[in-house]
C-alpha atoms as a PDB file:
ATOM      1  CA  PRO A   1     107.382 108.209 -46.297  1.00  0.00           C
ATOM      2  CA  ALA A   2     107.513 108.772 -50.150  1.00  0.00           C
ATOM      3  CA  PHE A   3     104.653 110.708 -51.635  1.00  0.00           C
ATOM      4  CA  LYS A   4     102.041 108.801 -53.705  1.00  0.00           C
ATOM      5  CA  ASP A   5      99.496 110.677 -55.741  1.00  0.00           C
ATOM      6  CA  ASP A   6      95.969 109.478 -55.200  1.00  0.00           C
ATOM      7  CA  PRO A   7      93.543 111.098 -57.774  1.00  0.00           C
ATOM      8  CA  ASP A   8      90.498 109.547 -55.840  1.00  0.00           C
ATOM      9  CA  LEU A   9      91.586 110.884 -52.435  1.00  0.00           C
ATOM     10  CA  TYR A  10      88.217 112.776 -52.159  1.00  0.00           C
ATOM     11  CA  VAL A  11      86.087 109.796 -52.915  1.00  0.00           C
ATOM     12  CA  PHE A  12      84.263 108.094 -50.043  1.00  0.00           C
ATOM     13  CA  PRO A  13      82.170 105.223 -51.506  1.00  0.00           C
ATOM     14  CA  LYS A  14      80.797 104.018 -48.103  1.00  0.00           C
ATOM     15  CA  LEU A  15      80.156 107.339 -46.375  1.00  0.00           C
ATOM     16  CA  LYS A  16      76.845 107.150 -44.452  1.00  0.00           C
ATOM     17  CA  TYR A  17      76.947 110.221 -42.198  1.00  0.00           C
ATOM     18  CA  VAL A  18      77.829 113.835 -42.604  1.00  0.00           C
ATOM     19  CA  GLY A  19      78.324 116.354 -39.703  1.00  0.00           C
ATOM     20  CA  ILE A  20      77.821 120.041 -40.203  1.00  0.00           C
ATOM     21  CA  GLU A  21      79.104 122.730 -37.741  1.00  0.00           C
ATOM     22  CA  LEU A  22      77.748 126.210 -38.198  1.00  0.00           C
ATOM     23  CA  TRP A  23      79.087 129.240 -36.207  1.00  0.00           C
ATOM     24  CA  GLN A  24      76.627 131.971 -35.942  1.00  0.00           C
ATOM     25  CA  VAL A  25      77.810 135.566 -35.213  1.00  0.00           C
ATOM     26  CA  LYS A  26      74.253 136.928 -35.159  1.00  0.00           C
ATOM     27  CA  SER A  27      71.511 134.956 -33.459  1.00  0.00           C
ATOM     28  CA  GLY A  28      68.275 134.155 -35.428  1.00  0.00           C
ATOM     29  CA  THR A  29      70.118 133.156 -38.644  1.00  0.00           C
ATOM     30  CA  LEU A  30      68.260 130.328 -40.316  1.00  0.00           C
ATOM     31  CA  PHE A  31      69.552 127.792 -42.916  1.00  0.00           C
ATOM     32  CA  ASN A  32      66.936 126.018 -44.985  1.00  0.00           C
ATOM     33  CA  ASN A  33      68.894 125.390 -48.286  1.00  0.00           C
ATOM     34  CA  ILE A  34      71.611 122.835 -47.648  1.00  0.00           C
ATOM     35  CA  LEU A  35      72.303 120.675 -50.710  1.00  0.00           C
ATOM     36  CA  ILE A  36      74.225 117.453 -50.578  1.00  0.00           C
ATOM     37  CA  ALA A  37      74.912 116.010 -54.066  1.00  0.00           C
ATOM     38  CA  ASP A  38      77.372 113.915 -55.956  1.00  0.00           C
ATOM     39  CA  ASP A  39      76.914 115.694 -59.287  1.00  0.00           C
ATOM     40  CA  PRO A  40      78.983 119.029 -59.637  1.00  0.00           C
ATOM     41  CA  GLU A  41      76.840 120.165 -62.598  1.00  0.00           C
ATOM     42  CA  TYR A  42      73.606 119.811 -60.580  1.00  0.00           C
ATOM     43  CA  ALA A  43      75.055 121.536 -57.590  1.00  0.00           C
END
């Protein structure tokens, strides 16, 4: 098919769920600072 540029390809207006997969090399690693935002300046 012919290429069609979509400048809003990354926009998901009805996104309700997010899955996060973490691979740990060393056991005992804790993550307590995960940020999900829609403002690049805030992030």
